[in-house]
PDB file of N, CA and C in Angstrom:
ATOM      1  N   MET A   1      33.024 -20.438 -20.360  1.00  0.00           N
ATOM      2  CA  MET A   1      32.334 -21.380 -19.493  1.00  0.00           C
ATOM      3  C   MET A   1      30.993 -21.717 -20.143  1.00  0.00           C
ATOM      4  N   ASN A   2      30.765 -22.981 -20.376  1.00  0.00           N
ATOM      5  CA  ASN A   2      29.496 -23.389 -20.972  1.00  0.00           C
ATOM      6  C   ASN A   2      28.468 -23.672 -19.878  1.00  0.00           C
ATOM      7  N   ASP A   3      27.295 -24.082 -20.301  1.00  0.00           N
ATOM      8  CA  ASP A   3      26.187 -24.284 -19.355  1.00  0.00           C
ATOM      9  C   ASP A   3      26.473 -25.405 -18.355  1.00  0.00           C
ATOM     10  N   GLU A   4      27.084 -26.476 -18.807  1.00  0.00           N
ATOM     11  CA  GLU A   4      27.352 -27.598 -17.909  1.00  0.00           C
ATOM     12  C   GLU A   4      28.353 -27.226 -16.820  1.00  0.00           C
ATOM     13  N   GLN A   5      29.388 -26.508 -17.194  1.00  0.00           N
ATOM     14  CA  GLN A   5      30.374 -26.082 -16.207  1.00  0.00           C
ATOM     15  C   GLN A   5      29.753 -25.112 -15.199  1.00  0.00           C
ATOM     16  N   PHE A   6      28.903 -24.210 -15.707  1.00  0.00           N
ATOM     17  CA  PHE A   6      28.228 -23.258 -14.816  1.00  0.00           C
ATOM     18  C   PHE A   6      27.325 -23.979 -13.829  1.00  0.00           C
ATOM     19  N   ARG A   7      26.574 -24.951 -14.314  1.00  0.00           N
ATOM     20  CA  ARG A   7      25.660 -25.687 -13.432  1.00  0.00           C
ATOM     21  C   ARG A   7      26.420 -26.509 -12.397  1.00  0.00           C
ATOM     22  N   GLU A   8      27.524 -27.100 -12.798  1.00  0.00           N
ATOM     23  CA  GLU A   8      28.328 -27.865 -11.846  1.00  0.00           C
ATOM     24  C   GLU A   8      28.909 -26.967 -10.766  1.00  0.00           C
ATOM     25  N   SER A   9      29.393 -25.785 -11.150  1.00  0.00           N
ATOM     26  CA  SER A   9      29.931 -24.865 -10.136  1.00  0.00           C
ATOM     27  C   SER A   9      28.819 -24.337  -9.240  1.00  0.00           C
ATOM     28  N   LEU A  10      27.648 -24.132  -9.801  1.00  0.00           N
ATOM     29  CA  LEU A  10      26.505 -23.684  -8.998  1.00  0.00           C
ATOM     30  C   LEU A  10      26.078 -24.765  -8.014  1.00  0.00           C
ATOM     31  N   ARG A  11      26.043 -26.010  -8.461  1.00  0.00           N
ATOM     32  CA  ARG A  11      25.693 -27.112  -7.565  1.00  0.00           C
ATOM     33  C   ARG A  11      26.716 -27.258  -6.448  1.00  0.00           C
ATOM     34  N   ALA A  12      27.975 -27.069  -6.773  1.00  0.00           N
ATOM     35  CA  ALA A  12      29.016 -27.165  -5.751  1.00  0.00           C
ATOM     36  C   ALA A  12      28.890 -26.040  -4.729  1.00  0.00           C
ATOM     37  N   ASP A  13      28.534 -24.848  -5.183  1.00  0.00           N
ATOM     38  CA  ASP A  13      28.372 -23.717  -4.256  1.00  0.00           C
ATOM     39  C   ASP A  13      27.155 -23.893  -3.363  1.00  0.00           C
ATOM     40  N   VAL A  14      26.087 -24.462  -3.900  1.00  0.00           N
ATOM     41  CA  VAL A  14      24.828 -24.583  -3.164  1.00  0.00           C
ATOM     42  C   VAL A  14      24.824 -25.805  -2.254  1.00  0.00           C
ATOM     43  N   ALA A  15      25.702 -26.716  -2.459  1.00  0.00           N
ATOM     44  CA  ALA A  15      25.713 -27.952  -1.667  1.00  0.00           C
ATOM     45  C   ALA A  15      25.860 -27.675  -0.180  1.00  0.00           C
ATOM     46  N   GLY A  16      26.588 -26.645   0.178  1.00  0.00           N
ATOM     47  CA  GLY A  16      26.744 -26.307   1.590  1.00  0.00           C
ATOM     48  C   GLY A  16      25.488 -25.716   2.205  1.00  0.00           C
ATOM     49  N   LEU A  17      24.595 -25.181   1.402  1.00  0.00           N
ATOM     50  CA  LEU A  17      23.372 -24.570   1.916  1.00  0.00           C
ATOM     51  C   LEU A  17      22.228 -25.563   2.064  1.00  0.00           C
ATOM     52  N   LYS A  18      22.356 -26.716   1.461  1.00  0.00           N
ATOM     53  CA  LYS A  18      21.283 -27.698   1.500  1.00  0.00           C
ATOM     54  C   LYS A  18      21.206 -28.336   2.879  1.00  0.00           C
ATOM     55  N   TYR A  19      19.971 -28.445   3.411  1.00  0.00           N
ATOM     56  CA  TYR A  19      19.772 -29.015   4.747  1.00  0.00           C
ATOM     57  C   TYR A  19      19.243 -30.432   4.612  1.00  0.00           C
ATOM     58  N   GLU A  20      20.018 -31.369   5.073  1.00  0.00           N
ATOM     59  CA  GLU A  20      19.592 -32.765   5.087  1.00  0.00           C
ATOM     60  C   GLU A  20      19.725 -33.270   6.517  1.00  0.00           C
ATOM     61  N   PRO A  21      18.592 -33.582   7.169  1.00  0.00           N
ATOM     62  CA  PRO A  21      18.691 -34.089   8.542  1.00  0.00           C
ATOM     63  C   PRO A  21      19.324 -35.479   8.546  1.00  0.00           C
ATOM     64  N   ARG A  22      20.357 -35.628   9.352  1.00  0.00           N
ATOM     65  CA  ARG A  22      21.086 -36.897   9.401  1.00  0.00           C
ATOM     66  C   ARG A  22      20.472 -37.868  10.416  1.00  0.00           C
ATOM     67  N   ASP A  23      19.770 -37.304  11.381  1.00  0.00           N
ATOM     68  CA  ASP A  23      19.180 -38.131  12.426  1.00  0.00           C
ATOM     69  C   ASP A  23      17.723 -38.402  12.074  1.00  0.00           C
ATOM     70  N   GLU A  24      17.253 -39.599  12.349  1.00  0.00           N
ATOM     71  CA  GLU A  24      15.870 -39.969  12.040  1.00  0.00           C
ATOM     72  C   GLU A  24      14.881 -39.195  12.909  1.00  0.00           C
ATOM     73  N   VAL A  25      15.269 -38.834  14.123  1.00  0.00           N
ATOM     74  CA  VAL A  25      14.394 -38.083  15.028  1.00  0.00           C
ATOM     75  C   VAL A  25      14.177 -36.668  14.499  1.00  0.00           C
ATOM     76  N   VAL A  26      15.239 -36.052  14.035  1.00  0.00           N
ATOM     77  CA  VAL A  26      15.125 -34.699  13.478  1.00  0.00           C
ATOM     78  C   VAL A  26      14.239 -34.719  12.246  1.00  0.00           C
ATOM     79  N   PHE A  27      14.394 -35.732  11.413  1.00  0.00           N
ATOM     80  CA  PHE A  27      13.566 -35.848  10.215  1.00  0.00           C
ATOM     81  C   PHE A  27      12.100 -36.041  10.585  1.00  0.00           C
ATOM     82  N   ALA A  28      11.810 -36.825  11.594  1.00  0.00           N
ATOM     83  CA  ALA A  28      10.432 -37.050  12.031  1.00  0.00           C
ATOM     84  C   ALA A  28       9.828 -35.776  12.601  1.00  0.00           C
ATOM     85  N   ARG A  29      10.607 -35.026  13.382  1.00  0.00           N
ATOM     86  CA  ARG A  29      10.106 -33.762  13.924  1.00  0.00           C
ATOM     87  C   ARG A  29       9.828 -32.751  12.822  1.00  0.00           C
ATOM     88  N   LEU A  30      10.732 -32.689  11.860  1.00  0.00           N
ATOM     89  CA  LEU A  30      10.546 -31.767  10.748  1.00  0.00           C
ATOM     90  C   LEU A  30       9.290 -32.110   9.951  1.00  0.00           C
ATOM     91  N   ALA A  31       9.088 -33.379   9.686  1.00  0.00           N
ATOM     92  CA  ALA A  31       7.891 -33.821   8.958  1.00  0.00           C
ATOM     93  C   ALA A  31       6.626 -33.537   9.767  1.00  0.00           C
ATOM     94  N   ALA A  32       6.686 -33.714  11.087  1.00  0.00           N
ATOM     95  CA  ALA A  32       5.521 -33.447  11.931  1.00  0.00           C
ATOM     96  C   ALA A  32       5.179 -31.956  11.943  1.00  0.00           C
ATOM     97  N   ARG A  33       6.194 -31.097  11.990  1.00  0.00           N
ATOM     98  CA  ARG A  33       5.925 -29.658  11.979  1.00  0.00           C
ATOM     99  C   ARG A  33       5.317 -29.208  10.659  1.00  0.00           C
ATOM    100  N   ILE A  34       5.827 -29.762   9.548  1.00  0.00           N
ATOM    101  CA  ILE A  34       5.266 -29.416   8.245  1.00  0.00           C
ATOM    102  C   ILE A  34       3.828 -29.914   8.146  1.00  0.00           C
ATOM    103  N   ARG A  35       3.580 -31.139   8.601  1.00  0.00           N
ATOM    104  CA  ARG A  35       2.233 -31.694   8.573  1.00  0.00           C
ATOM    105  C   ARG A  35       1.275 -30.879   9.437  1.00  0.00           C
ATOM    106  N   GLU A  36       1.763 -30.424  10.578  1.00  0.00           N
ATOM    107  CA  GLU A  36       0.924 -29.638  11.485  1.00  0.00           C
ATOM    108  C   GLU A  36       0.501 -28.320  10.838  1.00  0.00           C
ATOM    109  N   ARG A  37       1.403 -27.704  10.106  1.00  0.00           N
ATOM    110  CA  ARG A  37       1.080 -26.414   9.485  1.00  0.00           C
ATOM    111  C   ARG A  37       0.219 -26.545   8.244  1.00  0.00           C
ATOM    112  N   THR A  38       0.299 -27.667   7.556  1.00  0.00           N
ATOM    113  CA  THR A  38      -0.444 -27.802   6.305  1.00  0.00           C
ATOM    114  C   THR A  38      -1.730 -28.602   6.448  1.00  0.00           C
ATOM    115  N   VAL A  39      -1.685 -29.722   7.127  1.00  0.00           N
ATOM    116  CA  VAL A  39      -2.839 -30.620   7.166  1.00  0.00           C
ATOM    117  C   VAL A  39      -3.764 -30.311   8.327  1.00  0.00           C
ATOM    118  N   TYR A  40      -3.212 -30.127   9.499  1.00  0.00           N
ATOM    119  CA  TYR A  40      -4.028 -29.982  10.706  1.00  0.00           C
ATOM    120  C   TYR A  40      -4.281 -28.516  11.032  1.00  0.00           C
ATOM    121  N   ARG A  41      -4.913 -27.833  10.123  1.00  0.00           N
ATOM    122  CA  ARG A  41      -5.250 -26.432  10.394  1.00  0.00           C
ATOM    123  C   ARG A  41      -6.480 -26.376  11.291  1.00  0.00           C
ATOM    124  N   PRO A  42      -6.510 -25.435  12.220  1.00  0.00           N
ATOM    125  CA  PRO A  42      -7.696 -25.328  13.077  1.00  0.00           C
ATOM    126  C   PRO A  42      -8.898 -24.845  12.264  1.00  0.00           C
ATOM    127  N   GLN A  43     -10.055 -25.270  12.712  1.00  0.00           N
ATOM    128  CA  GLN A  43     -11.278 -24.865  12.032  1.00  0.00           C
ATOM    129  C   GLN A  43     -11.508 -23.369  12.197  1.00  0.00           C
ATOM    130  N   ALA A  44     -12.046 -22.761  11.165  1.00  0.00           N
ATOM    131  CA  ALA A  44     -12.312 -21.323  11.203  1.00  0.00           C
ATOM    132  C   ALA A  44     -13.468 -21.039  12.155  1.00  0.00           C
ATOM    133  N   THR A  45     -13.272 -20.057  13.000  1.00  0.00           N
ATOM    134  CA  THR A  45     -14.329 -19.655  13.926  1.00  0.00           C
ATOM    135  C   THR A  45     -15.035 -18.432  13.372  1.00  0.00           C
ATOM    136  N   VAL A  46     -16.175 -18.130  13.948  1.00  0.00           N
ATOM    137  CA  VAL A  46     -16.941 -16.961  13.527  1.00  0.00           C
ATOM    138  C   VAL A  46     -16.150 -15.690  13.806  1.00  0.00           C
ATOM    139  N   ALA A  47     -15.496 -15.650  14.958  1.00  0.00           N
ATOM    140  CA  ALA A  47     -14.704 -14.462  15.298  1.00  0.00           C
ATOM    141  C   ALA A  47     -13.546 -14.278  14.319  1.00  0.00           C
ATOM    142  N   GLY A  48     -12.913 -15.361  13.931  1.00  0.00           N
ATOM    143  CA  GLY A  48     -11.826 -15.266  12.964  1.00  0.00           C
ATOM    144  C   GLY A  48     -12.305 -14.787  11.607  1.00  0.00           C
ATOM    145  N   LEU A  49     -13.444 -15.321  11.158  1.00  0.00           N
ATOM    146  CA  LEU A  49     -13.999 -14.885   9.875  1.00  0.00           C
ATOM    147  C   LEU A  49     -14.386 -13.414   9.907  1.00  0.00           C
ATOM    148  N   LEU A  50     -15.021 -12.984  11.002  1.00  0.00           N
ATOM    149  CA  LEU A  50     -15.417 -11.580  11.101  1.00  0.00           C
ATOM    150  C   LEU A  50     -14.208 -10.656  11.160  1.00  0.00           C
ATOM    151  N   SER A  51     -13.170 -11.062  11.884  1.00  0.00           N
ATOM    152  CA  SER A  51     -11.995 -10.195  11.981  1.00  0.00           C
ATOM    153  C   SER A  51     -11.276 -10.100  10.643  1.00  0.00           C
ATOM    154  N   ARG A  52     -11.186 -11.207   9.895  1.00  0.00           N
ATOM    155  CA  ARG A  52     -10.561 -11.138   8.573  1.00  0.00           C
ATOM    156  C   ARG A  52     -11.386 -10.310   7.601  1.00  0.00           C
ATOM    157  N   TRP A  53     -12.693 -10.255   7.774  1.00  0.00           N
ATOM    158  CA  TRP A  53     -13.546  -9.448   6.907  1.00  0.00           C
ATOM    159  C   TRP A  53     -13.566  -7.996   7.352  1.00  0.00           C
ATOM    160  N   PHE A  54     -13.544  -7.762   8.671  1.00  0.00           N
ATOM    161  CA  PHE A  54     -13.726  -6.415   9.192  1.00  0.00           C
ATOM    162  C   PHE A  54     -12.475  -5.554   9.079  1.00  0.00           C
ATOM    163  N   ARG A  55     -11.305  -6.131   9.198  1.00  0.00           N
ATOM    164  CA  ARG A  55     -10.071  -5.331   9.153  1.00  0.00           C
ATOM    165  C   ARG A  55      -9.911  -4.551   7.856  1.00  0.00           C
ATOM    166  N   PRO A  56     -10.068  -5.155   6.679  1.00  0.00           N
ATOM    167  CA  PRO A  56      -9.934  -4.356   5.456  1.00  0.00           C
ATOM    168  C   PRO A  56     -11.032  -3.306   5.312  1.00  0.00           C
ATOM    169  N   VAL A  57     -12.234  -3.635   5.759  1.00  0.00           N
ATOM    170  CA  VAL A  57     -13.328  -2.658   5.676  1.00  0.00           C
ATOM    171  C   VAL A  57     -13.043  -1.476   6.600  1.00  0.00           C
ATOM    172  N   ALA A  58     -12.570  -1.739   7.796  1.00  0.00           N
ATOM    173  CA  ALA A  58     -12.244  -0.666   8.732  1.00  0.00           C
ATOM    174  C   ALA A  58     -11.101   0.191   8.199  1.00  0.00           C
ATOM    175  N   ALA A  59     -10.121  -0.425   7.594  1.00  0.00           N
ATOM    176  CA  ALA A  59      -9.012   0.344   7.023  1.00  0.00           C
ATOM    177  C   ALA A  59      -9.492   1.214   5.866  1.00  0.00           C
ATOM    178  N   ALA A  60     -10.377   0.692   5.036  1.00  0.00           N
ATOM    179  CA  ALA A  60     -10.907   1.483   3.925  1.00  0.00           C
ATOM    180  C   ALA A  60     -11.750   2.650   4.439  1.00  0.00           C
ATOM    181  N   LEU A  61     -12.548   2.409   5.475  1.00  0.00           N
ATOM    182  CA  LEU A  61     -13.344   3.502   6.046  1.00  0.00           C
ATOM    183  C   LEU A  61     -12.459   4.567   6.681  1.00  0.00           C
ATOM    184  N   ALA A  62     -11.402   4.158   7.351  1.00  0.00           N
ATOM    185  CA  ALA A  62     -10.488   5.132   7.947  1.00  0.00           C
ATOM    186  C   ALA A  62      -9.798   5.959   6.870  1.00  0.00           C
ATOM    187  N   LEU A  63      -9.402   5.320   5.804  1.00  0.00           N
ATOM    188  CA  LEU A  63      -8.768   6.043   4.704  1.00  0.00           C
ATOM    189  C   LEU A  63      -9.744   7.003   4.032  1.00  0.00           C
ATOM    190  N   ALA A  64     -10.980   6.557   3.827  1.00  0.00           N
ATOM    191  CA  ALA A  64     -11.983   7.417   3.202  1.00  0.00           C
ATOM    192  C   ALA A  64     -12.331   8.606   4.095  1.00  0.00           C
ATOM    193  N   SER A  65     -12.425   8.387   5.399  1.00  0.00           N
ATOM    194  CA  SER A  65     -12.743   9.504   6.296  1.00  0.00           C
ATOM    195  C   SER A  65     -11.596  10.497   6.366  1.00  0.00           C
ATOM    196  N   ALA A  66     -10.353  10.019   6.351  1.00  0.00           N
ATOM    197  CA  ALA A  66      -9.206  10.929   6.342  1.00  0.00           C
ATOM    198  C   ALA A  66      -9.177  11.743   5.061  1.00  0.00           C
ATOM    199  N   LEU A  67      -9.486  11.119   3.946  1.00  0.00           N
ATOM    200  CA  LEU A  67      -9.544  11.825   2.675  1.00  0.00           C
ATOM    201  C   LEU A  67     -10.661  12.859   2.663  1.00  0.00           C
ATOM    202  N   LEU A  68     -11.808  12.495   3.218  1.00  0.00           N
ATOM    203  CA  LEU A  68     -12.934  13.430   3.282  1.00  0.00           C
ATOM    204  C   LEU A  68     -12.596  14.638   4.146  1.00  0.00           C
ATOM    205  N   LEU A  69     -11.965  14.406   5.288  1.00  0.00           N
ATOM    206  CA  LEU A  69     -11.558  15.528   6.136  1.00  0.00           C
ATOM    207  C   LEU A  69     -10.551  16.431   5.438  1.00  0.00           C
ATOM    208  N   MET A  70      -9.631  15.846   4.713  1.00  0.00           N
ATOM    209  CA  MET A  70      -8.635  16.639   4.011  1.00  0.00           C
ATOM    210  C   MET A  70      -9.284  17.479   2.904  1.00  0.00           C
ATOM    211  N   VAL A  71     -10.228  16.911   2.193  1.00  0.00           N
ATOM    212  CA  VAL A  71     -10.900  17.652   1.118  1.00  0.00           C
ATOM    213  C   VAL A  71     -11.728  18.790   1.686  1.00  0.00           C
ATOM    214  N   THR A  72     -12.468  18.552   2.768  1.00  0.00           N
ATOM    215  CA  THR A  72     -13.288  19.625   3.337  1.00  0.00           C
ATOM    216  C   THR A  72     -12.413  20.735   3.901  1.00  0.00           C
ATOM    217  N   TYR A  73     -11.292  20.384   4.538  1.00  0.00           N
ATOM    218  CA  TYR A  73     -10.392  21.406   5.065  1.00  0.00           C
ATOM    219  C   TYR A  73      -9.810  22.242   3.927  1.00  0.00           C
ATOM    220  N   THR A  74      -9.426  21.588   2.840  1.00  0.00           N
ATOM    221  CA  THR A  74      -8.863  22.305   1.698  1.00  0.00           C
ATOM    222  C   THR A  74      -9.899  23.224   1.080  1.00  0.00           C
ATOM    223  N   GLU A  75     -11.126  22.749   0.950  1.00  0.00           N
ATOM    224  CA  GLU A  75     -12.180  23.596   0.379  1.00  0.00           C
ATOM    225  C   GLU A  75     -12.462  24.805   1.263  1.00  0.00           C
ATOM    226  N   GLN A  76     -12.459  24.634   2.581  1.00  0.00           N
ATOM    227  CA  GLN A  76     -12.670  25.764   3.483  1.00  0.00           C
ATOM    228  C   GLN A  76     -11.543  26.771   3.363  1.00  0.00           C
ATOM    229  N   GLN A  77     -10.335  26.300   3.234  1.00  0.00           N
ATOM    230  CA  GLN A  77      -9.205  27.218   3.079  1.00  0.00           C
ATOM    231  C   GLN A  77      -9.300  27.983   1.763  1.00  0.00           C
ATOM    232  N   LEU A  78      -9.726  27.300   0.707  1.00  0.00           N
ATOM    233  CA  LEU A  78      -9.870  27.974  -0.582  1.00  0.00           C
ATOM    234  C   LEU A  78     -10.998  28.995  -0.553  1.00  0.00           C
ATOM    235  N   GLU A  79     -12.083  28.698   0.149  1.00  0.00           N
ATOM    236  CA  GLU A  79     -13.187  29.664   0.255  1.00  0.00           C
ATOM    237  C   GLU A  79     -12.752  30.900   1.026  1.00  0.00           C
ATOM    238  N   SER A  80     -11.941  30.725   2.050  1.00  0.00           N
ATOM    239  CA  SER A  80     -11.492  31.898   2.795  1.00  0.00           C
ATOM    240  C   SER A  80     -10.536  32.738   1.950  1.00  0.00           C
ATOM    241  N   ILE A  81      -9.737  32.100   1.109  1.00  0.00           N
ATOM    242  CA  ILE A  81      -8.864  32.854   0.211  1.00  0.00           C
ATOM    243  C   ILE A  81      -9.691  33.570  -0.844  1.00  0.00           C
ATOM    244  N   ASP A  82     -10.724  32.902  -1.363  1.00  0.00           N
ATOM    245  CA  ASP A  82     -11.604  33.542  -2.336  1.00  0.00           C
ATOM    246  C   ASP A  82     -12.338  34.716  -1.721  1.00  0.00           C
ATOM    247  N   GLY A  83     -12.631  34.653  -0.421  1.00  0.00           N
ATOM    248  CA  GLY A  83     -13.297  35.760   0.258  1.00  0.00           C
ATOM    249  C   GLY A  83     -12.438  37.011   0.255  1.00  0.00           C
ATOM    250  N   TYR A  84     -11.135  36.857   0.374  1.00  0.00           N
ATOM    251  CA  TYR A  84     -10.241  38.012   0.325  1.00  0.00           C
ATOM    252  C   TYR A  84     -10.123  38.568  -1.083  1.00  0.00           C
ATOM    253  N   SER A  85     -10.174  37.738  -2.059  1.00  0.00           N
ATOM    254  CA  SER A  85      -9.991  38.214  -3.430  1.00  0.00           C
ATOM    255  C   SER A  85     -11.292  38.645  -4.082  1.00  0.00           C
ATOM    256  N   SER A  86     -12.412  38.508  -3.399  1.00  0.00           N
ATOM    257  CA  SER A  86     -13.685  38.887  -4.013  1.00  0.00           C
ATOM    258  C   SER A  86     -14.100  40.310  -3.645  1.00  0.00           C
ATOM    259  N   ARG A  87     -13.151  41.113  -3.300  1.00  0.00           N
ATOM    260  CA  ARG A  87     -13.451  42.523  -3.041  1.00  0.00           C
ATOM    261  C   ARG A  87     -13.893  43.176  -4.344  1.00  0.00           C
ATOM    262  N   PRO A  88     -14.701  44.201  -4.251  1.00  0.00           N
ATOM    263  CA  PRO A  88     -15.149  44.846  -5.502  1.00  0.00           C
ATOM    264  C   PRO A  88     -13.959  45.432  -6.257  1.00  0.00           C
ATOM    265  N   GLU A  89     -13.947  45.169  -7.532  1.00  0.00           N
ATOM    266  CA  GLU A  89     -12.859  45.663  -8.351  1.00  0.00           C
ATOM    267  C   GLU A  89     -13.139  47.103  -8.767  1.00  0.00           C
ATOM    268  N   VAL A  90     -12.096  47.865  -8.841  1.00  0.00           N
ATOM    269  CA  VAL A  90     -12.216  49.259  -9.268  1.00  0.00           C
ATOM    270  C   VAL A  90     -11.817  49.304 -10.731  1.00  0.00           C
ATOM    271  N   THR A  91     -12.763  49.717 -11.547  1.00  0.00           N
ATOM    272  CA  THR A  91     -12.472  49.851 -12.971  1.00  0.00           C
ATOM    273  C   THR A  91     -12.565  51.308 -13.341  1.00  0.00           C
ATOM    274  N   MET A  92     -11.677  51.740 -14.132  1.00  0.00           N
ATOM    275  CA  MET A  92     -11.663  53.133 -14.558  1.00  0.00           C
ATOM    276  C   MET A  92     -11.880  53.170 -16.061  1.00  0.00           C
ATOM    277  N   ALA A  93     -12.735  54.016 -16.434  1.00  0.00           N
ATOM    278  CA  ALA A  93     -12.986  54.192 -17.859  1.00  0.00           C
ATOM    279  C   ALA A  93     -12.036  55.268 -18.373  1.00  0.00           C
ATOM    280  N   ALA A  94     -11.114  54.888 -19.168  1.00  0.00           N
ATOM    281  CA  ALA A  94     -10.112  55.822 -19.665  1.00  0.00           C
ATOM    282  C   ALA A  94     -10.317  56.132 -21.138  1.00  0.00           C
ATOM    283  N   GLU A  95     -11.497  55.875 -21.603  1.00  0.00           N
ATOM    284  CA  GLU A  95     -11.706  56.124 -23.032  1.00  0.00           C
ATOM    285  C   GLU A  95     -11.770  57.606 -23.364  1.00  0.00           C
ATOM    286  N   ASP A  96     -12.094  58.443 -22.369  1.00  0.00           N
ATOM    287  CA  ASP A  96     -12.080  59.871 -22.629  1.00  0.00           C
ATOM    288  C   ASP A  96     -10.645  60.404 -22.734  1.00  0.00           C
ATOM    289  N   LEU A  97      -9.746  59.808 -22.020  1.00  0.00           N
ATOM    290  CA  LEU A  97      -8.378  60.309 -22.036  1.00  0.00           C
ATOM    291  C   LEU A  97      -7.578  59.777 -23.224  1.00  0.00           C
ATOM    292  N   TYR A  98      -7.792  58.552 -23.546  1.00  0.00           N
ATOM    293  CA  TYR A  98      -6.998  57.950 -24.628  1.00  0.00           C
ATOM    294  C   TYR A  98      -7.942  57.464 -25.709  1.00  0.00           C
ATOM    295  N   ARG A  99      -7.730  57.953 -26.890  1.00  0.00           N
ATOM    296  CA  ARG A  99      -8.537  57.520 -28.031  1.00  0.00           C
ATOM    297  C   ARG A  99      -7.627  57.123 -29.158  1.00  0.00           C
ATOM    298  N   VAL A 100      -8.042  56.141 -29.862  1.00  0.00           N
ATOM    299  CA  VAL A 100      -7.290  55.699 -31.025  1.00  0.00           C
ATOM    300  C   VAL A 100      -7.965  56.312 -32.244  1.00  0.00           C
ATOM    301  N   VAL A 101      -7.189  57.079 -32.960  1.00  0.00           N
ATOM    302  CA  VAL A 101      -7.744  57.736 -34.145  1.00  0.00           C
ATOM    303  C   VAL A 101      -7.182  57.037 -35.360  1.00  0.00           C
ATOM    304  N   GLU A 102      -8.073  56.763 -36.281  1.00  0.00           N
ATOM    305  CA  GLU A 102      -7.654  56.079 -37.494  1.00  0.00           C
ATOM    306  C   GLU A 102      -7.339  57.060 -38.578  1.00  0.00           C
TER     307      GLU A 102
END
């Protein structure tokens, strides 16, 4: 199968998926909806601008505070474990019992 045959079969398969409004009223409504979403956007309000700016900042602060709490909790747990292992070590001098003679 060459490129032309592939493209023709692809066009034939896709032809059923293509939407073409047959009625002039449907076409006018479709054009009006597209125009409404693209051209006639409402003006930005102060509340809208603040909410779009504040949401990412609030999410970053929440993530940073959760990370900070996790780090402090982990450090406290490690300090308590270090407290158990910091008991005085018992060292024995065994040089009187075992000597290496050359």
